[in-house]
Amino acid sequence: MNVDECKIEILLYSTLGCHLCEQAADLIHPYGAVVLKIVEIADDPELVARYGLRIPVAARATGQELDWPFDAAAFERWLAR
């Protein structure tokens, strides 16, 4: 098993110019066990409808979502679930 197989992929629903989204990405980046992928919601009307008022939102492949605001402790608890 290689190192990348042990990493958790996190999607961060975001949009250009969202300073809260930048804060969330900065909070998540230091976690070595996480692969962060930024999802631009502005390109998809369904994503805008779902996340437009909630961004930034972190999501896992399991369907679990973590809405902003969250701090490092809340993010770690969410990852541990």
PDB file of N, CA and C in Angstrom:
ATOM      1  N   MET A   1       0.861  -1.176   0.000  1.00  0.00           N
ATOM      2  CA  MET A   1       0.000   0.000   0.000  1.00  0.00           C
ATOM      3  C   MET A   1       0.903   1.234   0.000  1.00  0.00           C
ATOM      4  N   ASN A   2       0.677   2.147  -0.943  1.00  0.00           N
ATOM      5  CA  ASN A   2       1.502   3.353  -0.960  1.00  0.00           C
ATOM      6  C   ASN A   2       0.883   4.432  -0.084  1.00  0.00           C
ATOM      7  N   VAL A   3       1.650   5.480   0.144  1.00  0.00           N
ATOM      8  CA  VAL A   3       1.236   6.552   1.055  1.00  0.00           C
ATOM      9  C   VAL A   3      -0.052   7.220   0.591  1.00  0.00           C
ATOM     10  N   ASP A   4      -0.208   7.430  -0.722  1.00  0.00           N
ATOM     11  CA  ASP A   4      -1.405   8.106  -1.227  1.00  0.00           C
ATOM     12  C   ASP A   4      -2.679   7.320  -0.949  1.00  0.00           C
ATOM     13  N   GLU A   5      -2.583   5.992  -0.857  1.00  0.00           N
ATOM     14  CA  GLU A   5      -3.761   5.183  -0.569  1.00  0.00           C
ATOM     15  C   GLU A   5      -4.258   5.393   0.856  1.00  0.00           C
ATOM     16  N   CYS A   6      -3.405   5.905   1.732  1.00  0.00           N
ATOM     17  CA  CYS A   6      -3.765   6.147   3.126  1.00  0.00           C
ATOM     18  C   CYS A   6      -4.354   7.534   3.333  1.00  0.00           C
ATOM     19  N   LYS A   7      -4.301   8.361   2.322  1.00  0.00           N
ATOM     20  CA  LYS A   7      -4.764   9.739   2.472  1.00  0.00           C
ATOM     21  C   LYS A   7      -6.272   9.828   2.280  1.00  0.00           C
ATOM     22  N   ILE A   8      -6.855  10.805   2.928  1.00  0.00           N
ATOM     23  CA  ILE A   8      -8.289  11.060   2.846  1.00  0.00           C
ATOM     24  C   ILE A   8      -8.506  12.210   1.874  1.00  0.00           C
ATOM     25  N   GLU A   9      -9.324  11.978   0.859  1.00  0.00           N
ATOM     26  CA  GLU A   9      -9.634  13.049  -0.086  1.00  0.00           C
ATOM     27  C   GLU A   9     -10.752  13.915   0.486  1.00  0.00           C
ATOM     28  N   ILE A  10     -10.495  15.203   0.546  1.00  0.00           N
ATOM     29  CA  ILE A  10     -11.476  16.174   1.012  1.00  0.00           C
ATOM     30  C   ILE A  10     -11.781  17.123  -0.128  1.00  0.00           C
ATOM     31  N   LEU A  11     -13.055  17.276  -0.431  1.00  0.00           N
ATOM     32  CA  LEU A  11     -13.493  18.285  -1.388  1.00  0.00           C
ATOM     33  C   LEU A  11     -13.854  19.528  -0.598  1.00  0.00           C
ATOM     34  N   LEU A  12     -13.417  20.674  -1.086  1.00  0.00           N
ATOM     35  CA  LEU A  12     -13.789  21.935  -0.460  1.00  0.00           C
ATOM     36  C   LEU A  12     -14.587  22.730  -1.479  1.00  0.00           C
ATOM     37  N   TYR A  13     -15.897  22.814  -1.242  1.00  0.00           N
ATOM     38  CA  TYR A  13     -16.760  23.586  -2.129  1.00  0.00           C
ATOM     39  C   TYR A  13     -16.495  25.057  -1.865  1.00  0.00           C
ATOM     40  N   SER A  14     -16.212  25.778  -2.944  1.00  0.00           N
ATOM     41  CA  SER A  14     -15.688  27.130  -2.836  1.00  0.00           C
ATOM     42  C   SER A  14     -16.074  27.930  -4.074  1.00  0.00           C
ATOM     43  N   THR A  15     -15.692  29.205  -4.072  1.00  0.00           N
ATOM     44  CA  THR A  15     -15.811  30.026  -5.269  1.00  0.00           C
ATOM     45  C   THR A  15     -14.752  31.116  -5.225  1.00  0.00           C
ATOM     46  N   LEU A  16     -14.419  31.624  -6.369  1.00  0.00           N
ATOM     47  CA  LEU A  16     -13.386  32.645  -6.500  1.00  0.00           C
ATOM     48  C   LEU A  16     -13.742  33.874  -5.676  1.00  0.00           C
ATOM     49  N   GLY A  17     -12.780  34.371  -4.929  1.00  0.00           N
ATOM     50  CA  GLY A  17     -12.986  35.580  -4.141  1.00  0.00           C
ATOM     51  C   GLY A  17     -13.630  35.361  -2.786  1.00  0.00           C
ATOM     52  N   CYS A  18     -13.858  34.130  -2.412  1.00  0.00           N
ATOM     53  CA  CYS A  18     -14.473  33.818  -1.114  1.00  0.00           C
ATOM     54  C   CYS A  18     -13.373  33.763  -0.054  1.00  0.00           C
ATOM     55  N   HIS A  19     -13.280  34.809   0.762  1.00  0.00           N
ATOM     56  CA  HIS A  19     -12.205  34.844   1.760  1.00  0.00           C
ATOM     57  C   HIS A  19     -12.382  33.776   2.839  1.00  0.00           C
ATOM     58  N   LEU A  20     -13.609  33.411   3.145  1.00  0.00           N
ATOM     59  CA  LEU A  20     -13.828  32.331   4.116  1.00  0.00           C
ATOM     60  C   LEU A  20     -13.352  30.996   3.550  1.00  0.00           C
ATOM     61  N   CYS A  21     -13.532  30.817   2.246  1.00  0.00           N
ATOM     62  CA  CYS A  21     -13.062  29.597   1.586  1.00  0.00           C
ATOM     63  C   CYS A  21     -11.541  29.516   1.649  1.00  0.00           C
ATOM     64  N   GLU A  22     -10.883  30.652   1.465  1.00  0.00           N
ATOM     65  CA  GLU A  22      -9.424  30.699   1.568  1.00  0.00           C
ATOM     66  C   GLU A  22      -8.981  30.346   2.988  1.00  0.00           C
ATOM     67  N   GLN A  23      -9.709  30.852   3.985  1.00  0.00           N
ATOM     68  CA  GLN A  23      -9.385  30.529   5.381  1.00  0.00           C
ATOM     69  C   GLN A  23      -9.543  29.031   5.640  1.00  0.00           C
ATOM     70  N   ALA A  24     -10.618  28.451   5.114  1.00  0.00           N
ATOM     71  CA  ALA A  24     -10.850  27.016   5.302  1.00  0.00           C
ATOM     72  C   ALA A  24      -9.745  26.200   4.638  1.00  0.00           C
ATOM     73  N   ALA A  25      -9.361  26.570   3.420  1.00  0.00           N
ATOM     74  CA  ALA A  25      -8.285  25.857   2.722  1.00  0.00           C
ATOM     75  C   ALA A  25      -6.976  25.967   3.497  1.00  0.00           C
ATOM     76  N   ASP A  26      -6.680  27.153   4.010  1.00  0.00           N
ATOM     77  CA  ASP A  26      -5.459  27.344   4.804  1.00  0.00           C
ATOM     78  C   ASP A  26      -5.478  26.486   6.066  1.00  0.00           C
ATOM     79  N   LEU A  27      -6.645  26.307   6.657  1.00  0.00           N
ATOM     80  CA  LEU A  27      -6.774  25.488   7.860  1.00  0.00           C
ATOM     81  C   LEU A  27      -6.549  24.008   7.533  1.00  0.00           C
ATOM     82  N   ILE A  28      -7.029  23.567   6.369  1.00  0.00           N
ATOM     83  CA  ILE A  28      -6.967  22.150   5.993  1.00  0.00           C
ATOM     84  C   ILE A  28      -5.595  21.749   5.444  1.00  0.00           C
ATOM     85  N   HIS A  29      -4.926  22.640   4.710  1.00  0.00           N
ATOM     86  CA  HIS A  29      -3.664  22.305   4.033  1.00  0.00           C
ATOM     87  C   HIS A  29      -2.612  21.632   4.913  1.00  0.00           C
ATOM     88  N   PRO A  30      -2.412  22.034   6.165  1.00  0.00           N
ATOM     89  CA  PRO A  30      -1.339  21.417   6.962  1.00  0.00           C
ATOM     90  C   PRO A  30      -1.537  19.933   7.291  1.00  0.00           C
ATOM     91  N   TYR A  31      -2.712  19.400   7.087  1.00  0.00           N
ATOM     92  CA  TYR A  31      -2.971  18.004   7.445  1.00  0.00           C
ATOM     93  C   TYR A  31      -2.375  17.081   6.388  1.00  0.00           C
ATOM     94  N   GLY A  32      -1.325  16.390   6.753  1.00  0.00           N
ATOM     95  CA  GLY A  32      -0.614  15.534   5.816  1.00  0.00           C
ATOM     96  C   GLY A  32      -1.414  14.340   5.336  1.00  0.00           C
ATOM     97  N   ALA A  33      -2.414  13.922   6.094  1.00  0.00           N
ATOM     98  CA  ALA A  33      -3.221  12.760   5.717  1.00  0.00           C
ATOM     99  C   ALA A  33      -4.374  13.140   4.794  1.00  0.00           C
ATOM    100  N   VAL A  34      -4.398  14.401   4.356  1.00  0.00           N
ATOM    101  CA  VAL A  34      -5.514  14.901   3.560  1.00  0.00           C
ATOM    102  C   VAL A  34      -5.036  15.334   2.176  1.00  0.00           C
ATOM    103  N   VAL A  35      -5.789  14.933   1.166  1.00  0.00           N
ATOM    104  CA  VAL A  35      -5.617  15.461  -0.183  1.00  0.00           C
ATOM    105  C   VAL A  35      -6.787  16.408  -0.398  1.00  0.00           C
ATOM    106  N   LEU A  36      -6.497  17.694  -0.533  1.00  0.00           N
ATOM    107  CA  LEU A  36      -7.543  18.707  -0.663  1.00  0.00           C
ATOM    108  C   LEU A  36      -7.781  19.028  -2.126  1.00  0.00           C
ATOM    109  N   LYS A  37      -9.036  18.935  -2.529  1.00  0.00           N
ATOM    110  CA  LYS A  37      -9.434  19.314  -3.886  1.00  0.00           C
ATOM    111  C   LYS A  37     -10.471  20.418  -3.779  1.00  0.00           C
ATOM    112  N   ILE A  38     -10.186  21.543  -4.419  1.00  0.00           N
ATOM    113  CA  ILE A  38     -11.098  22.680  -4.417  1.00  0.00           C
ATOM    114  C   ILE A  38     -12.108  22.490  -5.542  1.00  0.00           C
ATOM    115  N   VAL A  39     -13.389  22.613  -5.214  1.00  0.00           N
ATOM    116  CA  VAL A  39     -14.462  22.486  -6.200  1.00  0.00           C
ATOM    117  C   VAL A  39     -15.087  23.862  -6.387  1.00  0.00           C
ATOM    118  N   GLU A  40     -14.978  24.401  -7.588  1.00  0.00           N
ATOM    119  CA  GLU A  40     -15.555  25.705  -7.922  1.00  0.00           C
ATOM    120  C   GLU A  40     -17.048  25.517  -8.185  1.00  0.00           C
ATOM    121  N   ILE A  41     -17.877  26.089  -7.321  1.00  0.00           N
ATOM    122  CA  ILE A  41     -19.321  25.880  -7.459  1.00  0.00           C
ATOM    123  C   ILE A  41     -19.945  26.754  -8.542  1.00  0.00           C
ATOM    124  N   ALA A  42     -19.312  27.871  -8.898  1.00  0.00           N
ATOM    125  CA  ALA A  42     -19.915  28.820  -9.840  1.00  0.00           C
ATOM    126  C   ALA A  42     -20.138  28.226 -11.222  1.00  0.00           C
ATOM    127  N   ASP A  43     -19.425  27.152 -11.549  1.00  0.00           N
ATOM    128  CA  ASP A  43     -19.534  26.531 -12.865  1.00  0.00           C
ATOM    129  C   ASP A  43     -20.688  25.541 -12.979  1.00  0.00           C
ATOM    130  N   ASP A  44     -21.399  25.305 -11.890  1.00  0.00           N
ATOM    131  CA  ASP A  44     -22.449  24.286 -11.878  1.00  0.00           C
ATOM    132  C   ASP A  44     -23.669  24.810 -11.117  1.00  0.00           C
ATOM    133  N   PRO A  45     -24.779  25.075 -11.818  1.00  0.00           N
ATOM    134  CA  PRO A  45     -25.970  25.610 -11.156  1.00  0.00           C
ATOM    135  C   PRO A  45     -26.476  24.745  -9.998  1.00  0.00           C
ATOM    136  N   GLU A  46     -26.326  23.429 -10.101  1.00  0.00           N
ATOM    137  CA  GLU A  46     -26.761  22.550  -9.011  1.00  0.00           C
ATOM    138  C   GLU A  46     -25.906  22.759  -7.765  1.00  0.00           C
ATOM    139  N   LEU A  47     -24.606  22.940  -7.959  1.00  0.00           N
ATOM    140  CA  LEU A  47     -23.723  23.195  -6.815  1.00  0.00           C
ATOM    141  C   LEU A  47     -24.000  24.563  -6.207  1.00  0.00           C
ATOM    142  N   VAL A  48     -24.291  25.551  -7.045  1.00  0.00           N
ATOM    143  CA  VAL A  48     -24.645  26.883  -6.534  1.00  0.00           C
ATOM    144  C   VAL A  48     -25.903  26.783  -5.681  1.00  0.00           C
ATOM    145  N   ALA A  49     -26.899  26.042  -6.167  1.00  0.00           N
ATOM    146  CA  ALA A  49     -28.149  25.895  -5.417  1.00  0.00           C
ATOM    147  C   ALA A  49     -27.913  25.187  -4.081  1.00  0.00           C
ATOM    148  N   ARG A  50     -27.045  24.195  -4.088  1.00  0.00           N
ATOM    149  CA  ARG A  50     -26.814  23.404  -2.870  1.00  0.00           C
ATOM    150  C   ARG A  50     -25.873  24.089  -1.880  1.00  0.00           C
ATOM    151  N   TYR A  51     -24.819  24.735  -2.396  1.00  0.00           N
ATOM    152  CA  TYR A  51     -23.763  25.245  -1.518  1.00  0.00           C
ATOM    153  C   TYR A  51     -23.610  26.759  -1.518  1.00  0.00           C
ATOM    154  N   GLY A  52     -24.325  27.463  -2.376  1.00  0.00           N
ATOM    155  CA  GLY A  52     -24.120  28.896  -2.544  1.00  0.00           C
ATOM    156  C   GLY A  52     -24.160  29.712  -1.269  1.00  0.00           C
ATOM    157  N   LEU A  53     -25.065  29.376  -0.361  1.00  0.00           N
ATOM    158  CA  LEU A  53     -25.177  30.116   0.900  1.00  0.00           C
ATOM    159  C   LEU A  53     -24.404  29.460   2.037  1.00  0.00           C
ATOM    160  N   ARG A  54     -23.795  28.304   1.763  1.00  0.00           N
ATOM    161  CA  ARG A  54     -23.132  27.537   2.824  1.00  0.00           C
ATOM    162  C   ARG A  54     -21.613  27.545   2.741  1.00  0.00           C
ATOM    163  N   ILE A  55     -21.045  27.918   1.601  1.00  0.00           N
ATOM    164  CA  ILE A  55     -19.597  27.786   1.424  1.00  0.00           C
ATOM    165  C   ILE A  55     -18.830  28.613   2.428  1.00  0.00           C
ATOM    166  N   PRO A  56     -17.686  28.105   2.799  1.00  0.00           N
ATOM    167  CA  PRO A  56     -17.044  26.864   2.382  1.00  0.00           C
ATOM    168  C   PRO A  56     -17.634  25.641   3.085  1.00  0.00           C
ATOM    169  N   VAL A  57     -17.678  24.550   2.340  1.00  0.00           N
ATOM    170  CA  VAL A  57     -18.148  23.274   2.881  1.00  0.00           C
ATOM    171  C   VAL A  57     -17.110  22.211   2.528  1.00  0.00           C
ATOM    172  N   ALA A  58     -16.632  21.496   3.526  1.00  0.00           N
ATOM    173  CA  ALA A  58     -15.727  20.368   3.307  1.00  0.00           C
ATOM    174  C   ALA A  58     -16.581  19.110   3.194  1.00  0.00           C
ATOM    175  N   ALA A  59     -16.188  18.210   2.291  1.00  0.00           N
ATOM    176  CA  ALA A  59     -16.964  16.982   2.086  1.00  0.00           C
ATOM    177  C   ALA A  59     -16.024  15.799   1.890  1.00  0.00           C
ATOM    178  N   ARG A  60     -16.504  14.640   2.332  1.00  0.00           N
ATOM    179  CA  ARG A  60     -15.771  13.387   2.171  1.00  0.00           C
ATOM    180  C   ARG A  60     -16.526  12.484   1.208  1.00  0.00           C
ATOM    181  N   ALA A  61     -15.839  11.479   0.706  1.00  0.00           N
ATOM    182  CA  ALA A  61     -16.451  10.520  -0.210  1.00  0.00           C
ATOM    183  C   ALA A  61     -17.617   9.786   0.440  1.00  0.00           C
ATOM    184  N   THR A  62     -17.636   9.732   1.758  1.00  0.00           N
ATOM    185  CA  THR A  62     -18.715   9.064   2.487  1.00  0.00           C
ATOM    186  C   THR A  62     -20.015   9.870   2.463  1.00  0.00           C
ATOM    187  N   GLY A  63     -19.920  11.121   2.006  1.00  0.00           N
ATOM    188  CA  GLY A  63     -21.089  11.999   2.004  1.00  0.00           C
ATOM    189  C   GLY A  63     -21.136  12.930   3.198  1.00  0.00           C
ATOM    190  N   GLN A  64     -20.261  12.717   4.167  1.00  0.00           N
ATOM    191  CA  GLN A  64     -20.223  13.600   5.335  1.00  0.00           C
ATOM    192  C   GLN A  64     -19.760  14.989   4.909  1.00  0.00           C
ATOM    193  N   GLU A  65     -20.436  16.007   5.434  1.00  0.00           N
ATOM    194  CA  GLU A  65     -20.081  17.389   5.132  1.00  0.00           C
ATOM    195  C   GLU A  65     -19.842  18.157   6.422  1.00  0.00           C
ATOM    196  N   LEU A  66     -18.963  19.130   6.325  1.00  0.00           N
ATOM    197  CA  LEU A  66     -18.647  20.000   7.446  1.00  0.00           C
ATOM    198  C   LEU A  66     -18.795  21.433   6.968  1.00  0.00           C
ATOM    199  N   ASP A  67     -19.805  22.109   7.505  1.00  0.00           N
ATOM    200  CA  ASP A  67     -20.078  23.493   7.111  1.00  0.00           C
ATOM    201  C   ASP A  67     -19.224  24.463   7.917  1.00  0.00           C
ATOM    202  N   TRP A  68     -18.859  25.541   7.293  1.00  0.00           N
ATOM    203  CA  TRP A  68     -18.180  26.653   7.960  1.00  0.00           C
ATOM    204  C   TRP A  68     -19.171  27.323   8.876  1.00  0.00           C
ATOM    205  N   PRO A  69     -18.788  27.813  10.027  1.00  0.00           N
ATOM    206  CA  PRO A  69     -17.413  27.923  10.492  1.00  0.00           C
ATOM    207  C   PRO A  69     -16.944  26.662  11.212  1.00  0.00           C
ATOM    208  N   PHE A  70     -15.675  26.327  11.000  1.00  0.00           N
ATOM    209  CA  PHE A  70     -15.041  25.263  11.777  1.00  0.00           C
ATOM    210  C   PHE A  70     -13.596  25.660  12.046  1.00  0.00           C
ATOM    211  N   ASP A  71     -13.092  25.174  13.170  1.00  0.00           N
ATOM    212  CA  ASP A  71     -11.695  25.417  13.519  1.00  0.00           C
ATOM    213  C   ASP A  71     -10.945  24.092  13.405  1.00  0.00           C
ATOM    214  N   ALA A  72      -9.660  24.112  13.732  1.00  0.00           N
ATOM    215  CA  ALA A  72      -8.839  22.908  13.601  1.00  0.00           C
ATOM    216  C   ALA A  72      -9.381  21.759  14.449  1.00  0.00           C
ATOM    217  N   ALA A  73      -9.827  22.054  15.658  1.00  0.00           N
ATOM    218  CA  ALA A  73     -10.347  20.997  16.536  1.00  0.00           C
ATOM    219  C   ALA A  73     -11.607  20.367  15.946  1.00  0.00           C
ATOM    220  N   ALA A  74     -12.505  21.179  15.429  1.00  0.00           N
ATOM    221  CA  ALA A  74     -13.738  20.659  14.819  1.00  0.00           C
ATOM    222  C   ALA A  74     -13.411  19.847  13.565  1.00  0.00           C
ATOM    223  N   PHE A  75     -12.451  20.308  12.775  1.00  0.00           N
ATOM    224  CA  PHE A  75     -12.047  19.580  11.573  1.00  0.00           C
ATOM    225  C   PHE A  75     -11.460  18.222  11.948  1.00  0.00           C
ATOM    226  N   GLU A  76     -10.624  18.185  12.973  1.00  0.00           N
ATOM    227  CA  GLU A  76     -10.027  16.923  13.417  1.00  0.00           C
ATOM    228  C   GLU A  76     -11.085  15.946  13.932  1.00  0.00           C
ATOM    229  N   ARG A  77     -12.061  16.446  14.675  1.00  0.00           N
ATOM    230  CA  ARG A  77     -13.156  15.574  15.158  1.00  0.00           C
ATOM    231  C   ARG A  77     -13.928  15.008  13.970  1.00  0.00           C
ATOM    232  N   TRP A  78     -14.198  15.855  12.984  1.00  0.00           N
ATOM    233  CA  TRP A  78     -14.932  15.432  11.789  1.00  0.00           C
ATOM    234  C   TRP A  78     -14.136  14.374  11.021  1.00  0.00           C
ATOM    235  N   LEU A  79     -12.829  14.572  10.883  1.00  0.00           N
ATOM    236  CA  LEU A  79     -11.985  13.588  10.194  1.00  0.00           C
ATOM    237  C   LEU A  79     -11.981  12.245  10.914  1.00  0.00           C
ATOM    238  N   ALA A  80     -12.044  12.271  12.230  1.00  0.00           N
ATOM    239  CA  ALA A  80     -11.965  11.047  13.029  1.00  0.00           C
ATOM    240  C   ALA A  80     -13.232  10.201  12.959  1.00  0.00           C
ATOM    241  N   ARG A  81     -14.318  10.767  12.477  1.00  0.00           N
ATOM    242  CA  ARG A  81     -15.578  10.005  12.409  1.00  0.00           C
ATOM    243  C   ARG A  81     -15.507   8.900  11.399  1.00  0.00           C
TER     244      ARG A  81
END
